[in-house]
Protein backbone atom coordinates (compact mmCIF):
# COMPACT_ATOMS: atom_id res chain seq x y z
CA UNK A 1 6.72 44.01 33.96
CA UNK A 2 5.05 42.46 31.21
CA UNK A 3 1.21 42.55 31.68
CA UNK A 4 0.47 40.75 28.60
CA UNK A 5 -2.26 37.44 29.51
CA UNK A 6 -1.27 34.27 27.18
CA UNK A 7 -3.79 33.16 24.90
CA UNK A 8 -6.88 31.05 26.78
CA UNK A 9 -7.83 27.71 25.45
CA UNK A 10 -11.06 29.17 23.55
CA UNK A 11 -8.27 31.74 22.02
CA UNK A 12 -5.73 28.55 20.75
CA UNK A 13 -9.54 26.67 19.34
CA UNK A 14 -10.55 29.95 17.62
CA UNK A 15 -7.20 30.30 16.32
CA UNK A 16 -6.69 26.43 15.14
CA UNK A 17 -9.93 26.52 13.65
CA UNK A 18 -9.41 29.69 11.66
CA UNK A 19 -5.83 28.43 10.44
CA UNK A 20 -6.46 27.21 6.89
CA UNK A 21 -5.64 23.12 6.21
CA UNK A 22 -2.54 22.48 4.90
CA UNK A 23 -2.77 21.72 0.60
CA UNK A 24 -2.09 18.13 0.58
CA UNK A 25 -0.84 16.92 -2.49
CA UNK A 26 -0.02 13.09 -1.51
CA UNK A 27 -0.53 10.84 1.90
CA UNK A 28 0.48 7.05 1.66
CA UNK A 29 1.47 4.39 4.47
CA UNK A 30 4.67 3.28 3.97
CA UNK A 31 5.07 -0.98 3.43
CA UNK A 32 4.71 -1.62 6.73
CA UNK A 33 2.18 0.39 7.98
CA UNK A 34 4.25 2.21 10.51
CA UNK A 35 4.82 5.54 8.93
CA UNK A 36 2.77 7.95 7.10
CA UNK A 37 3.86 10.27 4.44
CA UNK A 38 2.40 13.67 3.62
CA UNK A 39 3.71 16.02 0.53
CA UNK A 40 2.36 19.66 0.27
CA UNK A 41 3.49 22.72 -2.20
CA UNK A 42 5.97 23.29 0.75
CA UNK A 43 7.28 20.24 1.05
CA UNK A 44 6.90 16.45 2.56
CA UNK A 45 6.87 15.23 6.43
CA UNK A 46 7.40 11.83 7.14
CA UNK A 47 5.53 10.65 10.79
CA UNK A 48 5.68 7.60 12.47
CA UNK A 49 2.26 6.21 13.99
CA UNK A 50 2.80 4.77 17.31
CA UNK A 51 4.18 7.01 18.94
CA UNK A 52 2.94 9.64 16.86
CA UNK A 53 5.59 12.01 15.89
CA UNK A 54 7.38 13.93 13.11
CA UNK A 55 10.21 11.24 11.74
CA UNK A 56 11.25 13.72 8.28
CA UNK A 57 10.87 17.01 7.43
CA UNK A 58 12.01 17.39 3.93
CA UNK A 59 12.81 19.67 0.89
CA UNK A 60 10.77 22.73 2.58
CA UNK A 61 10.72 24.51 -0.46
CA UNK A 62 9.56 22.17 -2.81
CA UNK A 63 6.64 20.94 -4.48
CA UNK A 64 6.03 17.49 -3.48
CA UNK A 65 3.52 15.32 -5.96
CA UNK A 66 4.82 12.29 -4.47
CA UNK A 67 7.29 11.29 -1.46
CA UNK A 68 7.99 7.71 0.25
CA UNK A 69 10.40 7.04 2.81
CA UNK A 70 13.55 4.47 2.29
CA UNK A 71 15.86 3.73 4.68
CA UNK A 72 18.39 0.94 4.13
CA UNK A 73 21.90 -0.39 5.27
CA UNK A 74 25.00 0.68 3.98
CA UNK A 75 28.22 -1.61 3.45
CA UNK A 76 29.60 -0.49 6.39
CA UNK A 77 26.79 -1.40 8.59
CA UNK A 78 25.19 2.56 9.55
CA UNK A 79 21.93 3.21 8.31
CA UNK A 80 21.10 5.65 5.60
CA UNK A 81 17.28 7.40 5.62
CA UNK A 82 16.14 8.42 2.62
CA UNK A 83 12.98 10.17 0.86
CA UNK A 84 11.98 9.46 -2.67
CA UNK A 85 10.22 12.44 -4.25
CA UNK A 86 8.51 13.44 -7.10
CA UNK A 87 8.12 17.14 -7.59
CA UNK A 88 5.99 19.57 -9.43
CA UNK A 89 8.93 20.72 -11.48
CA UNK A 90 9.82 17.26 -13.10
CA UNK A 91 6.73 14.89 -12.67
CA UNK A 92 9.40 12.25 -14.91
CA UNK A 93 12.45 11.65 -12.35
CA UNK A 94 12.41 10.19 -8.83
CA UNK A 95 14.80 12.26 -6.68
CA UNK A 96 16.55 10.59 -3.50
CA UNK A 97 17.17 12.57 -0.77
CA UNK A 98 19.48 11.62 2.33
CA UNK A 99 17.73 12.70 5.52
CA UNK A 100 21.31 12.39 7.37
CA UNK A 101 22.03 15.93 8.77
CA UNK A 102 25.29 14.34 10.20
CA UNK A 103 27.10 15.29 7.79
CA UNK A 104 29.55 18.35 7.80
CA UNK A 105 27.38 20.74 6.02
CA UNK A 106 24.57 19.95 8.62
CA UNK A 107 21.58 19.81 5.51
CA UNK A 108 20.14 17.29 3.42
CA UNK A 109 22.05 15.80 0.60
CA UNK A 110 20.82 14.80 -2.77
CA UNK A 111 21.70 10.70 -2.99
CA UNK A 112 20.79 10.34 -6.41
CA UNK A 113 18.29 10.67 -9.35
CA UNK A 114 16.39 8.46 -11.40
CA UNK A 115 14.91 9.54 -14.79
CA UNK A 116 11.89 8.22 -17.31
CA UNK A 117 10.30 8.65 -20.14
CA UNK A 118 6.89 9.10 -18.51
CA UNK A 119 4.63 10.63 -15.82
CA UNK A 120 5.59 9.22 -12.49
CA UNK A 121 2.35 8.35 -10.74
CA UNK A 122 3.91 6.03 -7.58
CA UNK A 123 6.77 5.16 -5.86
CA UNK A 124 6.91 2.13 -3.20
CA UNK A 125 9.83 0.64 -1.48
CA UNK A 126 11.15 -1.46 0.97
CA UNK A 127 14.93 -1.98 1.82
CA UNK A 128 15.66 -4.01 -0.80
CA UNK A 129 13.75 -3.03 -3.76
CA UNK A 130 12.23 0.47 -4.86
CA UNK A 131 9.19 0.23 -7.40
CA UNK A 132 8.65 2.78 -9.73
CA UNK A 133 4.71 2.86 -11.72
CA UNK A 134 3.76 4.42 -14.62
CA UNK A 135 0.70 4.17 -16.46
CA UNK A 136 1.84 1.37 -18.41
CA UNK A 137 4.92 0.15 -17.17
CA UNK A 138 6.89 -0.29 -13.77
CA UNK A 139 10.76 -0.36 -13.38
CA UNK A 140 11.94 -2.42 -10.49
CA UNK A 141 15.56 -1.48 -8.69
CA UNK A 142 17.67 -2.89 -6.60
CA UNK A 143 18.32 -0.89 -3.49
CA UNK A 144 20.93 0.69 -2.21
CA UNK A 145 22.74 0.12 -5.87
CA UNK A 146 19.71 1.53 -7.34
CA UNK A 147 20.40 -0.33 -10.54
CA UNK A 148 17.74 -1.16 -12.74
CA UNK A 149 16.36 -5.01 -12.31
CA UNK A 150 13.64 -4.88 -15.36
CA UNK A 151 11.16 -3.11 -16.48
CA UNK A 152 7.60 -4.23 -16.79
CA UNK A 153 4.56 -3.62 -19.05
CA UNK A 154 1.09 -3.69 -17.31
CA UNK A 155 -2.43 -2.68 -17.89
CA UNK A 156 -3.64 0.63 -17.79
CA UNK A 157 -2.83 2.34 -15.01
CA UNK A 158 -3.96 5.54 -14.65
CA UNK A 159 -4.06 5.87 -10.75
CA UNK A 160 -0.90 3.87 -10.22
CA UNK A 161 -2.10 1.40 -8.24
CA UNK A 162 0.83 -0.77 -6.88
CA UNK A 163 1.66 -3.22 -3.85
CA UNK A 164 4.58 -4.33 -2.53
CA UNK A 165 5.75 -6.71 0.39
CA UNK A 166 8.38 -6.22 3.02
CA UNK A 167 11.70 -8.38 1.91
CA UNK A 168 11.89 -11.70 3.23
CA UNK A 169 14.90 -13.15 4.39
CA UNK A 170 15.57 -16.55 3.27
CA UNK A 171 16.46 -17.57 6.98
CA UNK A 172 12.63 -16.63 7.83
CA UNK A 173 10.52 -19.36 5.93
CA UNK A 174 10.71 -22.76 4.08
CA UNK A 175 10.41 -23.30 0.74
CA UNK A 176 6.82 -22.84 -0.80
CA UNK A 177 5.43 -25.78 -3.31
CA UNK A 178 4.30 -25.07 -6.72
CA UNK A 179 0.68 -25.01 -7.85
CA UNK A 180 -0.15 -28.33 -8.75
CA UNK A 181 -2.86 -27.12 -11.34
CA UNK A 182 0.12 -24.72 -12.94
CA UNK A 183 1.60 -24.72 -16.41
CA UNK A 184 4.28 -22.94 -18.14
CA UNK A 185 3.17 -21.69 -22.03
CA UNK A 186 5.40 -19.68 -24.48
CA UNK A 187 4.47 -16.65 -26.83
CA UNK A 188 0.65 -16.49 -25.61
CA UNK A 189 0.99 -13.99 -23.04
CA UNK A 190 1.52 -10.42 -23.26
CA UNK A 191 3.36 -10.11 -20.23
CA UNK A 192 6.52 -8.41 -20.95
CA UNK A 193 9.60 -8.23 -18.57
CA UNK A 194 12.86 -6.69 -19.73
CA UNK A 195 16.04 -6.54 -18.24
CA UNK A 196 14.97 -9.00 -15.61
CA UNK A 197 16.75 -11.66 -13.79
CA UNK A 198 16.04 -15.52 -13.60
CA UNK A 199 16.02 -18.67 -11.59
CA UNK A 200 13.51 -20.76 -10.21
CA UNK A 201 12.29 -19.98 -6.37
CA UNK A 202 13.15 -22.33 -3.62
CA UNK A 203 15.01 -22.76 -0.04
CA UNK A 204 17.62 -20.20 0.34
CA UNK A 205 15.36 -17.84 -2.12
CA UNK A 206 14.77 -14.45 -0.97
CA UNK A 207 11.07 -13.50 -1.54
CA UNK A 208 9.34 -10.33 -2.11
CA UNK A 209 6.28 -9.68 -4.02
CA UNK A 210 5.01 -6.75 -6.26
CA UNK A 211 0.82 -6.68 -7.36
CA UNK A 212 -0.36 -4.58 -10.29
CA UNK A 213 -3.15 -4.49 -12.73
CA UNK A 214 -2.60 -7.13 -15.70
CA UNK A 215 -5.12 -7.92 -18.57
CA UNK A 216 -4.26 -10.46 -20.96
CA UNK A 217 -5.28 -10.07 -24.39
CA UNK A 218 -9.19 -10.10 -25.35
CA UNK A 219 -9.83 -9.72 -21.50
CA UNK A 220 -11.43 -7.09 -19.98
CA UNK A 221 -10.07 -5.05 -16.85
CA UNK A 222 -9.93 -6.26 -12.99
CA UNK A 223 -6.81 -8.68 -13.15
CA UNK A 224 -4.29 -8.67 -10.69
CA UNK A 225 -0.76 -10.26 -11.22
CA UNK A 226 2.16 -10.83 -8.54
CA UNK A 227 5.51 -10.68 -9.25
CA UNK A 228 8.50 -12.26 -7.63
CA UNK A 229 10.47 -9.22 -7.10
CA UNK A 230 13.27 -11.03 -6.35
CA UNK A 231 13.63 -13.28 -9.06
CA UNK A 232 11.17 -11.24 -11.57
CA UNK A 233 9.06 -14.10 -12.07
CA UNK A 234 5.18 -14.77 -11.88
CA UNK A 235 3.67 -16.01 -9.05
CA UNK A 236 -0.29 -15.42 -9.24
CA UNK A 237 -2.40 -13.41 -11.99
CA UNK A 238 -6.07 -13.88 -10.76
CA UNK A 239 -8.97 -12.05 -12.35
CA UNK A 240 -10.17 -10.98 -8.91
CA UNK A 241 -12.94 -8.15 -10.85
CA UNK A 242 -15.03 -7.79 -13.91
CA UNK A 243 -14.07 -3.68 -13.93
CA UNK A 244 -11.11 -1.47 -12.90
CA UNK A 245 -9.66 -2.10 -9.65
CA UNK A 246 -9.58 0.90 -7.09
CA UNK A 247 -7.47 -0.57 -4.98
CA UNK A 248 -4.60 -3.32 -4.06
CA UNK A 249 -2.41 -4.37 -0.87
CA UNK A 250 -0.45 -7.32 -0.04
CA UNK A 251 0.39 -8.56 3.10
CA UNK A 252 3.65 -7.61 4.96
CA UNK A 253 4.81 -11.33 4.02
CA UNK A 254 3.85 -11.66 0.48
CA UNK A 255 1.59 -14.11 0.92
CA UNK A 256 -2.43 -12.80 0.90
CA UNK A 257 -3.35 -10.29 -1.76
CA UNK A 258 -6.28 -8.20 -1.39
CA UNK A 259 -8.45 -6.30 -4.64
CA UNK A 260 -11.00 -3.97 -4.34
CA UNK A 261 -13.32 -2.93 -7.12
CA UNK A 262 -16.33 -0.71 -7.59
CA UNK A 263 -19.30 -0.28 -4.67
CA UNK A 264 -16.38 -1.51 -2.25
CA UNK A 265 -16.18 -5.61 -3.39
CA UNK A 266 -13.30 -6.77 -1.96
CA UNK A 267 -11.37 -10.28 -2.61
CA UNK A 268 -8.85 -11.52 -0.46
CA UNK A 269 -6.72 -14.52 -2.14
CA UNK A 270 -3.71 -16.82 -0.88
CA UNK A 271 -1.23 -15.71 -3.50
CA UNK A 272 1.18 -18.80 -3.35
CA UNK A 273 -2.17 -21.19 -3.72
CA UNK A 274 -3.85 -18.92 -6.01
CA UNK A 275 -7.11 -19.37 -3.93
CA UNK A 276 -10.01 -17.15 -3.29
CA UNK A 277 -10.13 -17.11 0.61
CA UNK A 278 -12.70 -14.17 1.61
CA UNK A 279 -15.05 -12.10 -0.43
CA UNK A 280 -15.74 -8.42 1.60
CA UNK A 281 -18.61 -7.04 0.63
CA UNK A 282 -18.47 -3.18 2.06
CA UNK A 283 -22.19 -2.61 0.78
CA UNK A 284 -21.32 0.58 -1.02
CA UNK A 285 -24.29 0.73 -3.43
CA UNK A 286 -23.45 4.40 -4.83
CA UNK A 287 -22.12 4.99 -8.22
CA UNK A 288 -19.73 7.48 -6.74
CA UNK A 289 -17.76 5.41 -4.39
CA UNK A 290 -14.82 5.43 -4.21
CA UNK A 291 -11.74 3.03 -2.42
CA UNK A 292 -9.51 4.99 -1.24
CA UNK A 293 -7.02 2.11 0.40
CA UNK A 294 -6.78 -1.39 1.43
CA UNK A 295 -4.24 -2.08 4.88
CA UNK A 296 -3.27 -5.56 6.29
CA UNK A 297 -2.36 -5.69 10.16
CA UNK A 298 1.55 -7.19 10.15
CA UNK A 299 0.53 -10.15 10.74
CA UNK A 300 -2.21 -10.76 8.09
CA UNK A 301 -5.04 -11.58 10.41
CA UNK A 302 -6.85 -8.08 10.17
CA UNK A 303 -7.40 -6.13 7.01
CA UNK A 304 -8.94 -2.42 6.78
CA UNK A 305 -10.76 -0.65 4.13
CA UNK A 306 -11.35 3.31 3.36
CA UNK A 307 -14.75 4.10 1.42
CA UNK A 308 -16.24 7.12 0.81
CA UNK A 309 -19.80 7.48 -0.85
CA UNK A 310 -23.74 8.91 -0.45
CA UNK A 311 -26.04 10.35 -2.34
CA UNK A 312 -26.93 13.72 -2.63
CA UNK A 313 -23.17 14.37 -2.90
CA UNK A 314 -22.83 13.82 1.11
CA UNK A 315 -19.28 11.91 0.88
CA UNK A 316 -19.59 9.89 4.14
CA UNK A 317 -16.21 8.20 4.58
CA UNK A 318 -16.61 4.85 6.79
CA UNK A 319 -13.55 2.54 7.68
CA UNK A 320 -13.95 -0.81 7.82
CA UNK A 321 -12.34 -3.57 9.62
CA UNK A 322 -11.73 -7.37 9.13
CA UNK A 323 -11.05 -10.01 11.93
CA UNK A 324 -9.42 -12.89 9.67
CA UNK A 325 -8.13 -15.88 11.72
CA UNK A 326 -5.03 -16.84 11.01
CA UNK A 327 -5.62 -20.02 9.32
CA UNK A 328 -6.46 -18.32 6.19
CA UNK A 329 -2.88 -18.05 5.36
CA UNK A 330 -3.01 -21.56 4.71
CA UNK A 331 -6.44 -22.48 4.87
CA UNK A 332 -8.61 -21.86 1.42
CA UNK A 333 -11.93 -22.19 -0.12
CA UNK A 334 -11.26 -24.15 -3.74
CA UNK A 335 -11.93 -21.92 -6.49
CA UNK A 336 -12.12 -23.03 -10.35
CA UNK A 337 -8.27 -22.97 -11.38
CA UNK A 338 -7.28 -22.52 -14.95
CA UNK A 339 -3.98 -22.46 -16.46
CA UNK A 340 -2.53 -19.64 -17.82
CA UNK A 341 0.26 -18.70 -19.97
CA UNK A 342 3.34 -16.22 -19.05
CA UNK A 343 6.38 -16.13 -21.06
CA UNK A 344 9.46 -17.81 -19.13
CA UNK A 345 7.49 -18.52 -16.04
CA UNK A 346 4.58 -20.68 -13.93
CA UNK A 347 1.84 -19.60 -12.83
CA UNK A 348 -2.27 -20.42 -12.26
CA UNK A 349 -5.00 -18.04 -12.57
CA UNK A 350 -8.02 -18.02 -9.97
CA UNK A 351 -11.61 -17.85 -11.32
CA UNK A 352 -14.57 -17.93 -8.54
CA UNK A 353 -17.09 -19.93 -8.83
CA UNK A 354 -20.81 -18.49 -9.93
CA UNK A 355 -21.52 -18.96 -6.40
CA UNK A 356 -19.50 -17.20 -4.24
CA UNK A 357 -17.66 -19.85 -1.66
CA UNK A 358 -17.99 -18.91 1.95
CA UNK A 359 -15.30 -18.24 3.86
CA UNK A 360 -13.78 -21.24 5.87
CA UNK A 361 -13.74 -19.39 9.08
CA UNK A 362 -16.43 -17.15 10.58
CA UNK A 363 -15.01 -13.34 10.15
CA UNK A 364 -15.65 -10.35 12.47
CA UNK A 365 -15.84 -7.06 11.18
CA UNK A 366 -15.64 -3.41 12.79
CA UNK A 367 -16.88 -0.19 11.09
CA UNK A 368 -16.11 3.66 12.18
CA UNK A 369 -17.75 6.34 10.78
CA UNK A 370 -15.29 9.97 10.12
CA UNK A 371 -16.19 12.84 11.70
CA UNK A 372 -15.21 14.52 8.55
CA UNK A 373 -17.23 15.27 5.39
CA UNK A 374 -16.90 16.17 1.97
CA UNK A 375 -14.29 15.11 -0.81
CA UNK A 376 -11.98 14.26 1.49
CA UNK A 377 -9.43 11.26 1.11
CA UNK A 378 -9.36 9.26 4.22
CA UNK A 379 -6.58 6.23 4.04
CA UNK A 380 -6.21 3.61 6.94
CA UNK A 381 -3.61 1.25 8.27
CA UNK A 382 -3.20 -1.10 11.13
CA UNK A 383 -0.42 -1.36 13.50
CA UNK A 384 1.04 -3.89 15.92
CA UNK A 385 -0.35 -3.07 19.63
CA UNK A 386 1.98 -2.93 23.18
CA UNK A 387 0.73 -3.97 26.23
CA UNK A 388 -0.26 -7.67 27.55
CA UNK A 389 -3.04 -7.59 25.18
CA UNK A 390 -1.37 -6.19 22.06
CA UNK A 391 -3.97 -5.16 20.51
CA UNK A 392 -3.62 -4.04 17.42
CA UNK A 393 -4.48 -0.41 16.90
CA UNK A 394 -6.18 1.69 13.76
CA UNK A 395 -4.59 4.98 12.39
CA UNK A 396 -6.53 7.21 9.62
CA UNK A 397 -4.95 9.80 8.13
CA UNK A 398 -7.03 12.34 5.67
CA UNK A 399 -6.10 14.80 3.06
CA UNK A 400 -7.72 17.61 5.09
CA UNK A 401 -4.58 17.30 7.24
CA UNK A 402 -6.38 15.01 10.59
CA UNK A 403 -4.94 12.10 11.88
CA UNK A 404 -6.80 9.89 14.08
CA UNK A 405 -5.86 6.91 16.56
CA UNK A 406 -8.81 5.03 16.80
CA UNK A 407 -9.15 2.12 19.24
CA UNK A 408 -11.02 -1.19 18.27
CA UNK A 409 -13.35 -2.84 20.97
CA UNK A 410 -14.51 -6.26 19.44
CA UNK A 411 -16.18 -6.87 22.18
CA UNK A 412 -18.58 -4.51 22.61
CA UNK A 413 -18.23 -3.63 18.91
CA UNK A 414 -17.07 -0.39 18.16
CA UNK A 415 -14.40 2.23 17.46
CA UNK A 416 -14.04 5.05 19.01
CA UNK A 417 -10.76 7.66 18.63
CA UNK A 418 -8.28 7.96 21.02
CA UNK A 419 -6.21 10.58 19.46
CA UNK A 420 -6.58 13.35 17.10
CA UNK A 421 -3.30 14.97 15.43
CA UNK A 422 -2.63 17.82 13.04
CA UNK A 423 -0.17 16.45 10.15
CA UNK A 424 0.70 18.21 7.01
CA UNK A 425 1.48 21.81 8.76
C-alpha cells in the first residue's frame, strides 16, 4: 500500500510561489477583446477571457515575438483557425499556422508565409483583413486569399502602434454622410498608398477602419489617420496630441477613435464627423509614465486604459475605466475644423480649440490598482457581460504571467478581483 501523502495546500502554494514566471515576449488582445494572445520563447498560447481557458497552444518549440489569432470561414462553410506569428528566427516574415488538427497528420500545418523587406513590429487582423506593421509602413491583406491590397506609408512608428476595427457587413449599417467641411486636394499630402483599390463609400459597402500614427509635412508627431480598409481611402485625420502617441484604439464598429499621449492624456473622437468627444486625463504626472494600452467595450460605451509610473521607480500600474453614454457616438462637442489634403480622398482634420470642450454627457470613472509592482506590462480589455443585468467585465493580463478578472461596481465606486489565473505556462 502506497503511504505517500498528497501535498498539502500550503505545500502547493510554496511550489507555485517558487515556480519562475514565464518569459512573456508578446501580450495582446484581439480586435473584439474576447481573446488574449501570449508569446514566449517556447511557443504561443491563445486564451479566451470568459469563460477562461486555453483556446490554442501553437508552435511549442518556437521563439515567438508576435502572435495573433485569426479565424475565417472557408468557401465550403467550415471555419479555419489560424495563428499569425513572427519568430525570433526571422523578424521580417509572418507565418500563418493552421491550428486545426483534425487532418490526417493530427498536427498543425503551415498555411502560408508573408515576407517583407523590414522588421515586423505588429500584426492585427479580423476575419476579412490582415494588417502587418513596420516602422515606416503598413501592409494590408485580404482574408482569406492573403493577397496584398495596399502598402501605406506612416509616420515613424517604432512601437508598431495600430488599431483595427471589426469588419462591418453592409447589412448592419446605413450609409454615413460625408463631412460637410471636408475638401479634396491633390499633391500637397504626404500620404502614399500603393496597390490599393478605390471607389466611394456608401450604402451596400462594407466598412472596416485602421488607425495609425501620421504626420503631415512640417507638422509635429501626435497625429492619427483613420483609413477605410475596404476602399483604402482616408476617413479621418486628427491632430490628437503635440507629442508622440503612446497608444491608439478603435471601437469595434470603427466609429470611435481613442488616442493616448504622454502623461495619460486620452482624447476620444467621432471618426465619421471628425469631432472631439471627450478628453480623459489619467492624471499621471510622472515623466516615466507609460500608457500600455486602451480598449473599448463591444458597444463602445466603456473605455479602459492601463498606465504605469511613479516616483523612485515604484512602477505602480492603474487601470482606469470610463463609462461614456451611447449618445457619444452621435453627439459631439464642436471643434475647430480645418480642411486638409490627402491624395485622392476626402477628409477633414480636427483641431481642438484652446479651451478644452466639456463632454456632452457626464462620464463615470472607476480605477483599479494592480497588486503587482515593478516594470510589468499590463493590458486591459472589457468584455460583454451575461445574466439579466449584462454588466460588462474587465480583464487585465500582465507580462508577469498573471491574469485578473475584475468586477466593476459602479454604485459603490470600486473594483475587486474576482478570479486570478496564470498565463504563458
